[in-house]
Amino acid sequence: MQQVLTISQIVISLSLIITVLLQQRGAGGGSLFGGGGGSDTSYYTKRGFEKILFTVSIILAALFLISSFLNLLI
């Protein structure tokens, strides 16, 4: 059981990293060098694939949290 939890935690964490890296940000890295600040960095509604990635990342984070607590108890 311990090995199953450890392997599932690794898979969930890698999936979470991938979904977070695939998400786009309005400001991006350009704001580090003085870019941004215009109307292109304003808030917008998530649609399509971006909304799916957002939802999947929340679900994966919850699964990772649950598996971490289960790993502590076992």
PDB file of N, CA and C in Angstrom:
ATOM      1  N   MET A   1       0.824  -1.197   0.000  1.00  0.00           N
ATOM      2  CA  MET A   1       0.000   0.000   0.000  1.00  0.00           C
ATOM      3  C   MET A   1       0.864   1.256   0.000  1.00  0.00           C
ATOM      4  N   GLN A   2       1.950   1.218   0.736  1.00  0.00           N
ATOM      5  CA  GLN A   2       2.846   2.375   0.825  1.00  0.00           C
ATOM      6  C   GLN A   2       3.449   2.704  -0.547  1.00  0.00           C
ATOM      7  N   GLN A   3       3.830   1.658  -1.296  1.00  0.00           N
ATOM      8  CA  GLN A   3       4.417   1.879  -2.619  1.00  0.00           C
ATOM      9  C   GLN A   3       3.397   2.445  -3.592  1.00  0.00           C
ATOM     10  N   VAL A   4       2.160   1.995  -3.491  1.00  0.00           N
ATOM     11  CA  VAL A   4       1.106   2.501  -4.377  1.00  0.00           C
ATOM     12  C   VAL A   4       0.878   3.987  -4.123  1.00  0.00           C
ATOM     13  N   LEU A   5       0.843   4.385  -2.860  1.00  0.00           N
ATOM     14  CA  LEU A   5       0.656   5.789  -2.521  1.00  0.00           C
ATOM     15  C   LEU A   5       1.833   6.642  -2.986  1.00  0.00           C
ATOM     16  N   THR A   6       3.030   6.125  -2.829  1.00  0.00           N
ATOM     17  CA  THR A   6       4.212   6.878  -3.245  1.00  0.00           C
ATOM     18  C   THR A   6       4.243   7.065  -4.756  1.00  0.00           C
ATOM     19  N   ILE A   7       3.950   6.003  -5.496  1.00  0.00           N
ATOM     20  CA  ILE A   7       3.934   6.097  -6.960  1.00  0.00           C
ATOM     21  C   ILE A   7       2.820   7.020  -7.427  1.00  0.00           C
ATOM     22  N   SER A   8       1.640   6.924  -6.807  1.00  0.00           N
ATOM     23  CA  SER A   8       0.533   7.806  -7.202  1.00  0.00           C
ATOM     24  C   SER A   8       0.861   9.270  -6.873  1.00  0.00           C
ATOM     25  N   GLN A   9       1.574   9.496  -5.789  1.00  0.00           N
ATOM     26  CA  GLN A   9       1.960  10.856  -5.437  1.00  0.00           C
ATOM     27  C   GLN A   9       2.939  11.426  -6.461  1.00  0.00           C
ATOM     28  N   ILE A  10       3.852  10.618  -6.937  1.00  0.00           N
ATOM     29  CA  ILE A  10       4.804  11.062  -7.958  1.00  0.00           C
ATOM     30  C   ILE A  10       4.078  11.385  -9.258  1.00  0.00           C
ATOM     31  N   VAL A  11       3.155  10.517  -9.655  1.00  0.00           N
ATOM     32  CA  VAL A  11       2.399  10.740 -10.895  1.00  0.00           C
ATOM     33  C   VAL A  11       1.539  11.997 -10.785  1.00  0.00           C
ATOM     34  N   ILE A  12       0.873  12.177  -9.657  1.00  0.00           N
ATOM     35  CA  ILE A  12       0.024  13.357  -9.457  1.00  0.00           C
ATOM     36  C   ILE A  12       0.867  14.622  -9.451  1.00  0.00           C
ATOM     37  N   SER A  13       2.030  14.581  -8.801  1.00  0.00           N
ATOM     38  CA  SER A  13       2.864  15.780  -8.739  1.00  0.00           C
ATOM     39  C   SER A  13       3.411  16.153 -10.113  1.00  0.00           C
ATOM     40  N   LEU A  14       3.828  15.163 -10.907  1.00  0.00           N
ATOM     41  CA  LEU A  14       4.305  15.470 -12.258  1.00  0.00           C
ATOM     42  C   LEU A  14       3.185  16.021 -13.129  1.00  0.00           C
ATOM     43  N   SER A  15       1.994  15.459 -12.994  1.00  0.00           N
ATOM     44  CA  SER A  15       0.847  15.972 -13.756  1.00  0.00           C
ATOM     45  C   SER A  15       0.502  17.392 -13.338  1.00  0.00           C
ATOM     46  N   LEU A  16       0.593  17.669 -12.050  1.00  0.00           N
ATOM     47  CA  LEU A  16       0.312  19.012 -11.557  1.00  0.00           C
ATOM     48  C   LEU A  16       1.331  20.012 -12.078  1.00  0.00           C
ATOM     49  N   ILE A  17       2.590  19.638 -12.100  1.00  0.00           N
ATOM     50  CA  ILE A  17       3.634  20.519 -12.637  1.00  0.00           C
ATOM     51  C   ILE A  17       3.376  20.824 -14.103  1.00  0.00           C
ATOM     52  N   ILE A  18       3.011  19.805 -14.872  1.00  0.00           N
ATOM     53  CA  ILE A  18       2.755  20.007 -16.304  1.00  0.00           C
ATOM     54  C   ILE A  18       1.560  20.917 -16.526  1.00  0.00           C
ATOM     55  N   THR A  19       0.466  20.710 -15.780  1.00  0.00           N
ATOM     56  CA  THR A  19      -0.715  21.563 -15.980  1.00  0.00           C
ATOM     57  C   THR A  19      -0.459  23.005 -15.568  1.00  0.00           C
ATOM     58  N   VAL A  20       0.344  23.214 -14.530  1.00  0.00           N
ATOM     59  CA  VAL A  20       0.646  24.583 -14.120  1.00  0.00           C
ATOM     60  C   VAL A  20       1.537  25.264 -15.156  1.00  0.00           C
ATOM     61  N   LEU A  21       2.495  24.535 -15.712  1.00  0.00           N
ATOM     62  CA  LEU A  21       3.383  25.122 -16.708  1.00  0.00           C
ATOM     63  C   LEU A  21       2.665  25.403 -18.028  1.00  0.00           C
ATOM     64  N   LEU A  22       1.615  24.658 -18.322  1.00  0.00           N
ATOM     65  CA  LEU A  22       0.877  24.884 -19.564  1.00  0.00           C
ATOM     66  C   LEU A  22      -0.069  26.076 -19.495  1.00  0.00           C
ATOM     67  N   GLN A  23      -0.381  26.532 -18.302  1.00  0.00           N
ATOM     68  CA  GLN A  23      -1.293  27.661 -18.165  1.00  0.00           C
ATOM     69  C   GLN A  23      -0.598  28.952 -18.577  1.00  0.00           C
ATOM     70  N   GLN A  24      -1.348  29.845 -19.200  1.00  0.00           N
ATOM     71  CA  GLN A  24      -0.804  31.126 -19.632  1.00  0.00           C
ATOM     72  C   GLN A  24      -1.092  32.175 -18.582  1.00  0.00           C
ATOM     73  N   ARG A  25      -0.192  33.123 -18.506  1.00  0.00           N
ATOM     74  CA  ARG A  25      -0.380  34.272 -17.627  1.00  0.00           C
ATOM     75  C   ARG A  25      -0.437  35.525 -18.489  1.00  0.00           C
ATOM     76  N   GLY A  26      -1.241  36.505 -18.078  1.00  0.00           N
ATOM     77  CA  GLY A  26      -1.356  37.751 -18.817  1.00  0.00           C
ATOM     78  C   GLY A  26      -0.083  38.565 -18.783  1.00  0.00           C
ATOM     79  N   ALA A  27       0.575  38.657 -17.629  1.00  0.00           N
ATOM     80  CA  ALA A  27       1.769  39.480 -17.502  1.00  0.00           C
ATOM     81  C   ALA A  27       2.987  38.777 -18.077  1.00  0.00           C
ATOM     82  N   GLY A  28       3.144  37.513 -17.814  1.00  0.00           N
ATOM     83  CA  GLY A  28       4.270  36.762 -18.341  1.00  0.00           C
ATOM     84  C   GLY A  28       5.595  37.269 -17.813  1.00  0.00           C
ATOM     85  N   GLY A  29       6.661  36.890 -18.490  1.00  0.00           N
ATOM     86  CA  GLY A  29       7.991  37.303 -18.083  1.00  0.00           C
ATOM     87  C   GLY A  29       8.347  38.698 -18.559  1.00  0.00           C
ATOM     88  N   GLY A  30       7.549  39.273 -19.456  1.00  0.00           N
ATOM     89  CA  GLY A  30       7.843  40.589 -19.991  1.00  0.00           C
ATOM     90  C   GLY A  30       7.751  41.694 -18.962  1.00  0.00           C
ATOM     91  N   SER A  31       6.950  41.485 -17.926  1.00  0.00           N
ATOM     92  CA  SER A  31       6.813  42.518 -16.902  1.00  0.00           C
ATOM     93  C   SER A  31       8.075  42.633 -16.052  1.00  0.00           C
ATOM     94  N   LEU A  32       8.929  41.616 -16.080  1.00  0.00           N
ATOM     95  CA  LEU A  32      10.182  41.688 -15.339  1.00  0.00           C
ATOM     96  C   LEU A  32      11.106  42.753 -15.913  1.00  0.00           C
ATOM     97  N   PHE A  33      10.988  42.992 -17.205  1.00  0.00           N
ATOM     98  CA  PHE A  33      11.876  43.932 -17.882  1.00  0.00           C
ATOM     99  C   PHE A  33      11.170  45.232 -18.247  1.00  0.00           C
ATOM    100  N   GLY A  34      10.101  45.548 -17.566  1.00  0.00           N
ATOM    101  CA  GLY A  34       9.413  46.805 -17.791  1.00  0.00           C
ATOM    102  C   GLY A  34       8.249  46.721 -18.753  1.00  0.00           C
ATOM    103  N   GLY A  35       7.978  45.571 -19.310  1.00  0.00           N
ATOM    104  CA  GLY A  35       6.859  45.426 -20.233  1.00  0.00           C
ATOM    105  C   GLY A  35       5.556  45.268 -19.488  1.00  0.00           C
ATOM    106  N   GLY A  36       4.480  45.306 -20.213  1.00  0.00           N
ATOM    107  CA  GLY A  36       3.170  45.117 -19.594  1.00  0.00           C
ATOM    108  C   GLY A  36       2.656  46.408 -18.989  1.00  0.00           C
ATOM    109  N   GLY A  37       1.599  46.302 -18.234  1.00  0.00           N
ATOM    110  CA  GLY A  37       1.013  47.465 -17.607  1.00  0.00           C
ATOM    111  C   GLY A  37      -0.093  48.092 -18.427  1.00  0.00           C
ATOM    112  N   GLY A  38      -0.264  47.655 -19.662  1.00  0.00           N
ATOM    113  CA  GLY A  38      -1.310  48.200 -20.511  1.00  0.00           C
ATOM    114  C   GLY A  38      -2.596  47.425 -20.371  1.00  0.00           C
ATOM    115  N   SER A  39      -3.455  47.592 -21.346  1.00  0.00           N
ATOM    116  CA  SER A  39      -4.741  46.909 -21.291  1.00  0.00           C
ATOM    117  C   SER A  39      -4.614  45.422 -21.607  1.00  0.00           C
ATOM    118  N   ASP A  40      -3.463  45.019 -22.172  1.00  0.00           N
ATOM    119  CA  ASP A  40      -3.301  43.615 -22.506  1.00  0.00           C
ATOM    120  C   ASP A  40      -3.067  42.735 -21.278  1.00  0.00           C
ATOM    121  N   THR A  41      -2.763  43.329 -20.126  1.00  0.00           N
ATOM    122  CA  THR A  41      -2.530  42.541 -18.908  1.00  0.00           C
ATOM    123  C   THR A  41      -3.731  42.591 -17.966  1.00  0.00           C
ATOM    124  N   SER A  42      -4.872  43.037 -18.449  1.00  0.00           N
ATOM    125  CA  SER A  42      -6.050  43.105 -17.600  1.00  0.00           C
ATOM    126  C   SER A  42      -6.642  41.713 -17.402  1.00  0.00           C
ATOM    127  N   TYR A  43      -7.577  41.622 -16.482  1.00  0.00           N
ATOM    128  CA  TYR A  43      -8.208  40.341 -16.194  1.00  0.00           C
ATOM    129  C   TYR A  43      -9.136  39.940 -17.325  1.00  0.00           C
ATOM    130  N   TYR A  44      -9.262  38.654 -17.522  1.00  0.00           N
ATOM    131  CA  TYR A  44     -10.146  38.153 -18.564  1.00  0.00           C
ATOM    132  C   TYR A  44     -10.743  36.828 -18.117  1.00  0.00           C
ATOM    133  N   THR A  45     -11.770  36.398 -18.816  1.00  0.00           N
ATOM    134  CA  THR A  45     -12.459  35.162 -18.486  1.00  0.00           C
ATOM    135  C   THR A  45     -11.736  33.977 -19.114  1.00  0.00           C
ATOM    136  N   LYS A  46     -11.546  32.928 -18.324  1.00  0.00           N
ATOM    137  CA  LYS A  46     -10.913  31.727 -18.853  1.00  0.00           C
ATOM    138  C   LYS A  46     -11.925  30.990 -19.718  1.00  0.00           C
ATOM    139  N   ARG A  47     -11.459  30.547 -20.893  1.00  0.00           N
ATOM    140  CA  ARG A  47     -12.355  29.844 -21.809  1.00  0.00           C
ATOM    141  C   ARG A  47     -11.636  28.660 -22.422  1.00  0.00           C
ATOM    142  N   GLY A  48     -12.397  27.672 -22.780  1.00  0.00           N
ATOM    143  CA  GLY A  48     -11.877  26.529 -23.521  1.00  0.00           C
ATOM    144  C   GLY A  48     -10.836  25.732 -22.762  1.00  0.00           C
ATOM    145  N   PHE A  49      -9.703  25.498 -23.458  1.00  0.00           N
ATOM    146  CA  PHE A  49      -8.648  24.654 -22.915  1.00  0.00           C
ATOM    147  C   PHE A  49      -8.029  25.255 -21.659  1.00  0.00           C
ATOM    148  N   GLU A  50      -7.963  26.571 -21.589  1.00  0.00           N
ATOM    149  CA  GLU A  50      -7.398  27.233 -20.416  1.00  0.00           C
ATOM    150  C   GLU A  50      -8.253  26.980 -19.175  1.00  0.00           C
ATOM    151  N   LYS A  51      -9.574  26.970 -19.342  1.00  0.00           N
ATOM    152  CA  LYS A  51     -10.474  26.690 -18.227  1.00  0.00           C
ATOM    153  C   LYS A  51     -10.350  25.235 -17.784  1.00  0.00           C
ATOM    154  N   ILE A  52     -10.177  24.333 -18.755  1.00  0.00           N
ATOM    155  CA  ILE A  52     -10.001  22.922 -18.433  1.00  0.00           C
ATOM    156  C   ILE A  52      -8.710  22.720 -17.650  1.00  0.00           C
ATOM    157  N   LEU A  53      -7.619  23.351 -18.086  1.00  0.00           N
ATOM    158  CA  LEU A  53      -6.345  23.246 -17.371  1.00  0.00           C
ATOM    159  C   LEU A  53      -6.460  23.789 -15.954  1.00  0.00           C
ATOM    160  N   PHE A  54      -7.169  24.891 -15.795  1.00  0.00           N
ATOM    161  CA  PHE A  54      -7.359  25.495 -14.477  1.00  0.00           C
ATOM    162  C   PHE A  54      -8.101  24.538 -13.545  1.00  0.00           C
ATOM    163  N   THR A  55      -9.172  23.941 -14.055  1.00  0.00           N
ATOM    164  CA  THR A  55      -9.962  23.009 -13.259  1.00  0.00           C
ATOM    165  C   THR A  55      -9.165  21.745 -12.929  1.00  0.00           C
ATOM    166  N   VAL A  56      -8.435  21.228 -13.910  1.00  0.00           N
ATOM    167  CA  VAL A  56      -7.646  20.019 -13.696  1.00  0.00           C
ATOM    168  C   VAL A  56      -6.542  20.282 -12.679  1.00  0.00           C
ATOM    169  N   SER A  57      -5.935  21.468 -12.707  1.00  0.00           N
ATOM    170  CA  SER A  57      -4.877  21.763 -11.736  1.00  0.00           C
ATOM    171  C   SER A  57      -5.429  21.848 -10.317  1.00  0.00           C
ATOM    172  N   ILE A  58      -6.638  22.346 -10.160  1.00  0.00           N
ATOM    173  CA  ILE A  58      -7.265  22.378  -8.829  1.00  0.00           C
ATOM    174  C   ILE A  58      -7.554  20.958  -8.344  1.00  0.00           C
ATOM    175  N   ILE A  59      -8.077  20.122  -9.227  1.00  0.00           N
ATOM    176  CA  ILE A  59      -8.375  18.745  -8.863  1.00  0.00           C
ATOM    177  C   ILE A  59      -7.098  17.984  -8.511  1.00  0.00           C
ATOM    178  N   LEU A  60      -6.039  18.178  -9.310  1.00  0.00           N
ATOM    179  CA  LEU A  60      -4.772  17.498  -9.033  1.00  0.00           C
ATOM    180  C   LEU A  60      -4.157  17.967  -7.721  1.00  0.00           C
ATOM    181  N   ALA A  61      -4.288  19.252  -7.422  1.00  0.00           N
ATOM    182  CA  ALA A  61      -3.760  19.756  -6.148  1.00  0.00           C
ATOM    183  C   ALA A  61      -4.512  19.140  -4.974  1.00  0.00           C
ATOM    184  N   ALA A  62      -5.825  18.999  -5.112  1.00  0.00           N
ATOM    185  CA  ALA A  62      -6.613  18.369  -4.045  1.00  0.00           C
ATOM    186  C   ALA A  62      -6.248  16.897  -3.893  1.00  0.00           C
ATOM    187  N   LEU A  63      -6.068  16.197  -5.010  1.00  0.00           N
ATOM    188  CA  LEU A  63      -5.668  14.794  -4.952  1.00  0.00           C
ATOM    189  C   LEU A  63      -4.283  14.632  -4.319  1.00  0.00           C
ATOM    190  N   PHE A  64      -3.378  15.551  -4.641  1.00  0.00           N
ATOM    191  CA  PHE A  64      -2.042  15.490  -4.053  1.00  0.00           C
ATOM    192  C   PHE A  64      -2.105  15.719  -2.546  1.00  0.00           C
ATOM    193  N   LEU A  65      -2.938  16.650  -2.133  1.00  0.00           N
ATOM    194  CA  LEU A  65      -3.096  16.918  -0.703  1.00  0.00           C
ATOM    195  C   LEU A  65      -3.674  15.701   0.022  1.00  0.00           C
ATOM    196  N   ILE A  66      -4.684  15.083  -0.559  1.00  0.00           N
ATOM    197  CA  ILE A  66      -5.301  13.902   0.048  1.00  0.00           C
ATOM    198  C   ILE A  66      -4.313  12.742   0.115  1.00  0.00           C
ATOM    199  N   SER A  67      -3.572  12.529  -0.976  1.00  0.00           N
ATOM    200  CA  SER A  67      -2.601  11.430  -0.974  1.00  0.00           C
ATOM    201  C   SER A  67      -1.462  11.678   0.002  1.00  0.00           C
ATOM    202  N   SER A  68      -1.097  12.931   0.219  1.00  0.00           N
ATOM    203  CA  SER A  68      -0.057  13.246   1.197  1.00  0.00           C
ATOM    204  C   SER A  68      -0.521  12.935   2.609  1.00  0.00           C
ATOM    205  N   PHE A  69      -1.765  13.304   2.921  1.00  0.00           N
ATOM    206  CA  PHE A  69      -2.301  12.998   4.249  1.00  0.00           C
ATOM    207  C   PHE A  69      -2.450  11.485   4.445  1.00  0.00           C
ATOM    208  N   LEU A  70      -2.880  10.774   3.415  1.00  0.00           N
ATOM    209  CA  LEU A  70      -2.988   9.322   3.522  1.00  0.00           C
ATOM    210  C   LEU A  70      -1.624   8.682   3.716  1.00  0.00           C
ATOM    211  N   ASN A  71      -0.620   9.243   3.046  1.00  0.00           N
ATOM    212  CA  ASN A  71       0.733   8.736   3.194  1.00  0.00           C
ATOM    213  C   ASN A  71       1.265   8.953   4.611  1.00  0.00           C
ATOM    214  N   LEU A  72       0.834  10.033   5.247  1.00  0.00           N
ATOM    215  CA  LEU A  72       1.239  10.276   6.622  1.00  0.00           C
ATOM    216  C   LEU A  72       0.578   9.293   7.589  1.00  0.00           C
ATOM    217  N   LEU A  73      -0.678   8.967   7.324  1.00  0.00           N
ATOM    218  CA  LEU A  73      -1.417   8.097   8.229  1.00  0.00           C
ATOM    219  C   LEU A  73      -1.006   6.635   8.134  1.00  0.00           C
ATOM    220  N   ILE A  74      -0.551   6.237   6.953  1.00  0.00           N
ATOM    221  CA  ILE A  74      -0.206   4.817   6.752  1.00  0.00           C
ATOM    222  C   ILE A  74       1.256   4.573   7.061  1.00  0.00           C
TER     223      ILE A  74
END
